[in-house]
Amino acid sequence: MFKPPVLQVRFTNAPAIFKRKINSILREHLDKFIIAYLNNIIIYSDTKKEYKKHIKWVLKTLSKENIPIAIKKCKFYTKKTDFIKFIVELKQISIELKKIKAIID
């Protein structure tokens, strides 16, 4: 998962501007093998071969657009990840149990 460093520019709407820019850059493949939300990008594929190809495309595209990439913060080849308070696993998305408990209580 790609997580760029904090924006250096001081715009009031910086997150919205950044989200629009990322969506514009990745538009060609959004919801095909990419999900993007603010500074989080999930790349998903059916096979490792496709996944590798998709990672290369995303990294190359972001680099071409001068979007900084903090590789140390990226996670590749994971089968489970937290994404916007959801747990994303192979063929399953669920809510963190803490969130469900908070709603019930």
N, C-alpha and C. Protein backbone atom coordinates (compact mmCIF):
# COMPACT_ATOMS: atom_id res chain seq x y z
N MET A 1 0.85 -1.17 0.00
CA MET A 1 0.00 0.00 0.00
C MET A 1 0.90 1.23 0.00
N PHE A 2 0.58 2.24 -0.78
CA PHE A 2 1.35 3.47 -0.91
C PHE A 2 0.85 4.50 0.09
N LYS A 3 1.76 5.08 0.87
CA LYS A 3 1.41 6.15 1.79
C LYS A 3 2.46 7.26 1.65
N PRO A 4 2.15 8.32 0.90
CA PRO A 4 3.14 9.38 0.69
C PRO A 4 3.32 10.21 1.96
N PRO A 5 4.41 10.98 2.01
CA PRO A 5 4.62 11.85 3.17
C PRO A 5 3.56 12.94 3.24
N VAL A 6 3.50 13.61 4.37
CA VAL A 6 2.52 14.67 4.58
C VAL A 6 2.73 15.78 3.55
N LEU A 7 1.66 16.38 3.09
CA LEU A 7 1.76 17.46 2.13
C LEU A 7 2.52 18.64 2.73
N GLN A 8 3.41 19.22 1.97
CA GLN A 8 4.21 20.34 2.44
C GLN A 8 3.52 21.68 2.19
N VAL A 9 2.59 21.71 1.26
CA VAL A 9 1.90 22.93 0.88
C VAL A 9 0.78 23.21 1.89
N ARG A 10 0.54 24.47 2.23
CA ARG A 10 -0.46 24.81 3.24
C ARG A 10 -1.73 25.35 2.60
N PHE A 11 -2.49 24.47 1.98
CA PHE A 11 -3.78 24.83 1.43
C PHE A 11 -4.85 24.45 2.44
N THR A 12 -5.92 25.21 2.47
CA THR A 12 -7.03 24.87 3.35
C THR A 12 -7.62 23.53 2.95
N ASN A 13 -7.72 23.27 1.67
CA ASN A 13 -8.33 22.04 1.15
C ASN A 13 -7.29 21.05 0.66
N ALA A 14 -6.13 21.02 1.30
CA ALA A 14 -5.03 20.16 0.83
C ALA A 14 -5.44 18.70 0.66
N PRO A 15 -6.13 18.07 1.62
CA PRO A 15 -6.51 16.67 1.40
C PRO A 15 -7.40 16.47 0.18
N ALA A 16 -8.35 17.37 -0.02
CA ALA A 16 -9.25 17.26 -1.18
C ALA A 16 -8.48 17.46 -2.48
N ILE A 17 -7.57 18.41 -2.49
CA ILE A 17 -6.76 18.67 -3.69
C ILE A 17 -5.88 17.46 -4.00
N PHE A 18 -5.25 16.91 -2.96
CA PHE A 18 -4.39 15.74 -3.15
C PHE A 18 -5.20 14.54 -3.64
N LYS A 19 -6.37 14.33 -3.05
CA LYS A 19 -7.24 13.21 -3.46
C LYS A 19 -7.63 13.36 -4.93
N ARG A 20 -8.00 14.57 -5.33
CA ARG A 20 -8.38 14.81 -6.72
C ARG A 20 -7.20 14.53 -7.66
N LYS A 21 -6.00 14.95 -7.24
CA LYS A 21 -4.81 14.73 -8.07
C LYS A 21 -4.52 13.24 -8.21
N ILE A 22 -4.55 12.50 -7.09
CA ILE A 22 -4.29 11.06 -7.13
C ILE A 22 -5.33 10.36 -8.00
N ASN A 23 -6.60 10.71 -7.81
CA ASN A 23 -7.66 10.10 -8.62
C ASN A 23 -7.48 10.40 -10.10
N SER A 24 -7.06 11.61 -10.40
CA SER A 24 -6.83 11.99 -11.79
C SER A 24 -5.67 11.18 -12.39
N ILE A 25 -4.60 11.03 -11.62
CA ILE A 25 -3.43 10.31 -12.10
C ILE A 25 -3.74 8.83 -12.32
N LEU A 26 -4.50 8.24 -11.40
CA LEU A 26 -4.76 6.80 -11.44
C LEU A 26 -6.09 6.44 -12.10
N ARG A 27 -6.82 7.43 -12.59
CA ARG A 27 -8.18 7.26 -13.13
C ARG A 27 -8.32 6.07 -14.07
N GLU A 28 -7.35 5.88 -14.92
CA GLU A 28 -7.41 4.82 -15.94
C GLU A 28 -7.69 3.43 -15.33
N HIS A 29 -7.21 3.20 -14.09
CA HIS A 29 -7.35 1.87 -13.50
C HIS A 29 -8.05 1.87 -12.14
N LEU A 30 -8.64 3.00 -11.75
CA LEU A 30 -9.38 3.03 -10.49
C LEU A 30 -10.53 2.03 -10.54
N ASP A 31 -10.71 1.31 -9.48
CA ASP A 31 -11.76 0.29 -9.34
C ASP A 31 -11.60 -0.90 -10.28
N LYS A 32 -10.50 -0.95 -11.02
CA LYS A 32 -10.18 -2.13 -11.82
C LYS A 32 -9.17 -2.98 -11.05
N PHE A 33 -8.10 -2.32 -10.59
CA PHE A 33 -7.14 -2.99 -9.70
C PHE A 33 -6.54 -2.03 -8.69
N ILE A 34 -7.14 -0.85 -8.56
CA ILE A 34 -6.66 0.16 -7.61
C ILE A 34 -7.85 0.75 -6.87
N ILE A 35 -7.67 0.93 -5.56
CA ILE A 35 -8.59 1.73 -4.76
C ILE A 35 -7.72 2.81 -4.12
N ALA A 36 -8.14 4.06 -4.23
CA ALA A 36 -7.37 5.16 -3.65
C ALA A 36 -8.25 6.00 -2.75
N TYR A 37 -7.72 6.30 -1.57
CA TYR A 37 -8.41 7.19 -0.64
C TYR A 37 -7.35 8.04 0.04
N LEU A 38 -7.38 9.33 -0.26
CA LEU A 38 -6.38 10.28 0.24
C LEU A 38 -4.98 9.73 -0.03
N ASN A 39 -4.21 9.46 1.03
CA ASN A 39 -2.84 9.01 0.80
C ASN A 39 -2.69 7.48 0.90
N ASN A 40 -3.77 6.76 0.73
CA ASN A 40 -3.75 5.30 0.76
C ASN A 40 -4.16 4.75 -0.59
N ILE A 41 -3.35 3.83 -1.08
CA ILE A 41 -3.66 3.19 -2.35
C ILE A 41 -3.56 1.68 -2.15
N ILE A 42 -4.61 0.98 -2.50
CA ILE A 42 -4.59 -0.49 -2.47
C ILE A 42 -4.55 -0.98 -3.90
N ILE A 43 -3.62 -1.89 -4.14
CA ILE A 43 -3.49 -2.52 -5.46
C ILE A 43 -3.87 -3.98 -5.27
N TYR A 44 -4.81 -4.46 -6.05
CA TYR A 44 -5.25 -5.85 -5.91
C TYR A 44 -5.28 -6.54 -7.27
N SER A 45 -5.06 -7.84 -7.24
CA SER A 45 -5.00 -8.62 -8.47
C SER A 45 -5.40 -10.06 -8.19
N ASP A 46 -5.70 -10.79 -9.24
CA ASP A 46 -6.05 -12.21 -9.12
C ASP A 46 -4.83 -13.10 -9.03
N THR A 47 -3.72 -12.68 -9.67
CA THR A 47 -2.51 -13.51 -9.67
C THR A 47 -1.30 -12.66 -9.27
N LYS A 48 -0.24 -13.34 -8.85
CA LYS A 48 1.00 -12.63 -8.49
C LYS A 48 1.60 -11.94 -9.71
N LYS A 49 1.47 -12.58 -10.86
CA LYS A 49 2.01 -11.99 -12.10
C LYS A 49 1.31 -10.66 -12.41
N GLU A 50 -0.03 -10.67 -12.33
CA GLU A 50 -0.80 -9.43 -12.53
C GLU A 50 -0.44 -8.39 -11.48
N TYR A 51 -0.34 -8.83 -10.24
CA TYR A 51 -0.05 -7.94 -9.12
C TYR A 51 1.27 -7.20 -9.34
N LYS A 52 2.28 -7.94 -9.74
CA LYS A 52 3.60 -7.35 -10.01
C LYS A 52 3.49 -6.31 -11.12
N LYS A 53 2.75 -6.65 -12.16
CA LYS A 53 2.54 -5.73 -13.29
C LYS A 53 1.81 -4.47 -12.82
N HIS A 54 0.79 -4.64 -11.97
CA HIS A 54 0.01 -3.51 -11.47
C HIS A 54 0.86 -2.62 -10.56
N ILE A 55 1.68 -3.23 -9.70
CA ILE A 55 2.56 -2.44 -8.83
C ILE A 55 3.50 -1.59 -9.67
N LYS A 56 4.11 -2.21 -10.66
CA LYS A 56 5.04 -1.47 -11.54
C LYS A 56 4.33 -0.29 -12.20
N TRP A 57 3.11 -0.52 -12.69
CA TRP A 57 2.37 0.55 -13.36
C TRP A 57 2.11 1.71 -12.39
N VAL A 58 1.63 1.39 -11.18
CA VAL A 58 1.31 2.43 -10.20
C VAL A 58 2.56 3.20 -9.81
N LEU A 59 3.64 2.51 -9.47
CA LEU A 59 4.87 3.19 -9.05
C LEU A 59 5.45 4.04 -10.18
N LYS A 60 5.43 3.51 -11.37
CA LYS A 60 5.95 4.25 -12.54
C LYS A 60 5.09 5.50 -12.79
N THR A 61 3.78 5.35 -12.72
CA THR A 61 2.87 6.46 -12.98
C THR A 61 3.02 7.55 -11.92
N LEU A 62 3.08 7.16 -10.65
CA LEU A 62 3.25 8.15 -9.59
C LEU A 62 4.60 8.85 -9.70
N SER A 63 5.62 8.11 -10.02
CA SER A 63 6.96 8.68 -10.20
C SER A 63 6.98 9.69 -11.35
N LYS A 64 6.33 9.30 -12.45
CA LYS A 64 6.27 10.18 -13.63
C LYS A 64 5.57 11.51 -13.30
N GLU A 65 4.61 11.46 -12.37
CA GLU A 65 3.86 12.65 -11.96
C GLU A 65 4.50 13.36 -10.77
N ASN A 66 5.73 12.93 -10.42
CA ASN A 66 6.48 13.54 -9.31
C ASN A 66 5.77 13.45 -7.96
N ILE A 67 5.04 12.36 -7.75
CA ILE A 67 4.42 12.09 -6.46
C ILE A 67 5.45 11.30 -5.64
N PRO A 68 5.87 11.83 -4.48
CA PRO A 68 6.87 11.11 -3.68
C PRO A 68 6.30 9.80 -3.14
N ILE A 69 7.14 8.78 -3.13
CA ILE A 69 6.74 7.46 -2.66
C ILE A 69 7.66 7.06 -1.51
N ALA A 70 7.08 6.82 -0.35
CA ALA A 70 7.84 6.36 0.82
C ALA A 70 7.79 4.83 0.82
N ILE A 71 8.72 4.22 0.12
CA ILE A 71 8.73 2.76 -0.04
C ILE A 71 8.75 2.05 1.31
N LYS A 72 9.43 2.61 2.30
CA LYS A 72 9.50 1.98 3.63
C LYS A 72 8.12 1.87 4.27
N LYS A 73 7.19 2.73 3.88
CA LYS A 73 5.83 2.70 4.43
C LYS A 73 4.90 1.80 3.63
N CYS A 74 5.36 1.32 2.50
CA CYS A 74 4.53 0.48 1.63
C CYS A 74 4.55 -0.97 2.12
N LYS A 75 3.43 -1.65 1.88
CA LYS A 75 3.33 -3.08 2.17
C LYS A 75 2.94 -3.77 0.86
N PHE A 76 3.74 -4.74 0.48
CA PHE A 76 3.47 -5.47 -0.76
C PHE A 76 3.20 -6.94 -0.45
N TYR A 77 2.44 -7.58 -1.29
CA TYR A 77 2.13 -9.01 -1.19
C TYR A 77 1.51 -9.38 0.16
N THR A 78 0.62 -8.55 0.66
CA THR A 78 -0.06 -8.87 1.91
C THR A 78 -1.41 -9.52 1.59
N LYS A 79 -1.85 -10.36 2.46
CA LYS A 79 -3.15 -11.02 2.29
C LYS A 79 -4.21 -10.37 3.17
N LYS A 80 -3.76 -9.47 4.05
CA LYS A 80 -4.68 -8.80 4.96
C LYS A 80 -4.12 -7.41 5.28
N THR A 81 -4.99 -6.40 5.26
CA THR A 81 -4.54 -5.05 5.60
C THR A 81 -5.69 -4.25 6.18
N ASP A 82 -5.36 -3.25 6.96
CA ASP A 82 -6.36 -2.30 7.47
C ASP A 82 -6.44 -1.16 6.47
N PHE A 83 -7.65 -0.78 6.12
CA PHE A 83 -7.84 0.30 5.14
C PHE A 83 -9.08 1.09 5.54
N ILE A 84 -8.87 2.31 5.97
CA ILE A 84 -9.95 3.21 6.38
C ILE A 84 -10.89 2.53 7.39
N LYS A 85 -10.33 2.00 8.43
CA LYS A 85 -11.08 1.35 9.52
C LYS A 85 -11.76 0.05 9.12
N PHE A 86 -11.42 -0.48 7.96
CA PHE A 86 -11.91 -1.78 7.51
C PHE A 86 -10.75 -2.75 7.47
N ILE A 87 -11.05 -4.02 7.58
CA ILE A 87 -10.05 -5.07 7.43
C ILE A 87 -10.31 -5.71 6.07
N VAL A 88 -9.34 -5.60 5.19
CA VAL A 88 -9.47 -6.13 3.84
C VAL A 88 -8.64 -7.40 3.75
N GLU A 89 -9.32 -8.51 3.41
CA GLU A 89 -8.68 -9.80 3.26
C GLU A 89 -9.07 -10.38 1.90
N LEU A 90 -8.49 -11.51 1.60
CA LEU A 90 -8.80 -12.18 0.34
C LEU A 90 -10.29 -12.45 0.25
N LYS A 91 -10.95 -11.83 -0.70
CA LYS A 91 -12.39 -11.99 -0.98
C LYS A 91 -13.30 -11.63 0.19
N GLN A 92 -12.81 -10.75 1.09
CA GLN A 92 -13.63 -10.38 2.25
C GLN A 92 -13.23 -9.01 2.78
N ILE A 93 -14.23 -8.20 3.11
CA ILE A 93 -14.01 -6.92 3.77
C ILE A 93 -14.88 -6.92 5.03
N SER A 94 -14.28 -6.58 6.16
CA SER A 94 -15.04 -6.55 7.40
C SER A 94 -14.67 -5.31 8.21
N ILE A 95 -15.49 -5.02 9.21
CA ILE A 95 -15.25 -3.87 10.08
C ILE A 95 -14.50 -4.38 11.31
N GLU A 96 -13.61 -3.53 11.83
CA GLU A 96 -12.88 -3.90 13.04
C GLU A 96 -13.88 -4.21 14.16
N LEU A 97 -13.62 -5.26 14.91
CA LEU A 97 -14.52 -5.65 15.99
C LEU A 97 -14.69 -4.55 17.03
N LYS A 98 -13.65 -3.75 17.26
CA LYS A 98 -13.74 -2.63 18.21
C LYS A 98 -14.84 -1.66 17.78
N LYS A 99 -14.96 -1.43 16.48
CA LYS A 99 -15.97 -0.51 15.95
C LYS A 99 -17.38 -1.06 16.17
N ILE A 100 -17.55 -2.35 15.95
CA ILE A 100 -18.87 -2.97 16.14
C ILE A 100 -19.25 -2.92 17.62
N LYS A 101 -18.29 -3.22 18.49
CA LYS A 101 -18.54 -3.21 19.94
C LYS A 101 -18.93 -1.81 20.39
N ALA A 102 -18.27 -0.78 19.87
CA ALA A 102 -18.58 0.60 20.22
C ALA A 102 -20.01 0.97 19.82
N ILE A 103 -20.47 0.47 18.68
CA ILE A 103 -21.82 0.76 18.22
C ILE A 103 -22.85 0.05 19.09
N ILE A 104 -22.59 -1.21 19.43
CA ILE A 104 -23.52 -1.99 20.24
C ILE A 104 -23.62 -1.44 21.65
N ASP A 105 -22.48 -1.08 22.22
CA ASP A 105 -22.48 -0.56 23.60
C ASP A 105 -22.93 0.85 23.60
